[in-house]
């Protein structure tokens, strides 16, 4: 598994950006897949769970905020990093209020994205550990 054994799903409607990002992240040994819309993301997550979602704020159809809400409703442990341009910074902040882990401004720096994804996954693992601990404590009582 290694440090980077966690799974990342990229969600962005800009195909070239997605393809480049996937290639660059795979080169660095990241376990990454990509979809082009919020709807596709939810469909993928239904049968192929991931640890961290990197989600563009502005997409046709279901936007980033709607997608974030639905991801968190289905699985609150999935950490979500919002991608945003300058114009939609307040949307990213709104995302943080709903429960996004963090946001990144486009154009993104790949290293920043990888560090943030690793941090998000660490947070998820800590949460899972806490839940396991809580369940363990309850079963001892």
Foldseek 3Di string as FASTA:
>chain_A
DPLQPFEEEEEAQPVVLVVVLVVVVVVVVHHYDYDHHLVVVVVCCVPPNGQEYEAEQDDPDQGRQNSLLVVCVVPVLRAYEYEYEPVCVVSQVVSVVSPHQYYAYPVGDSVVVVVSRSVSSVVSVVVVVVVVVVVVVVVVD
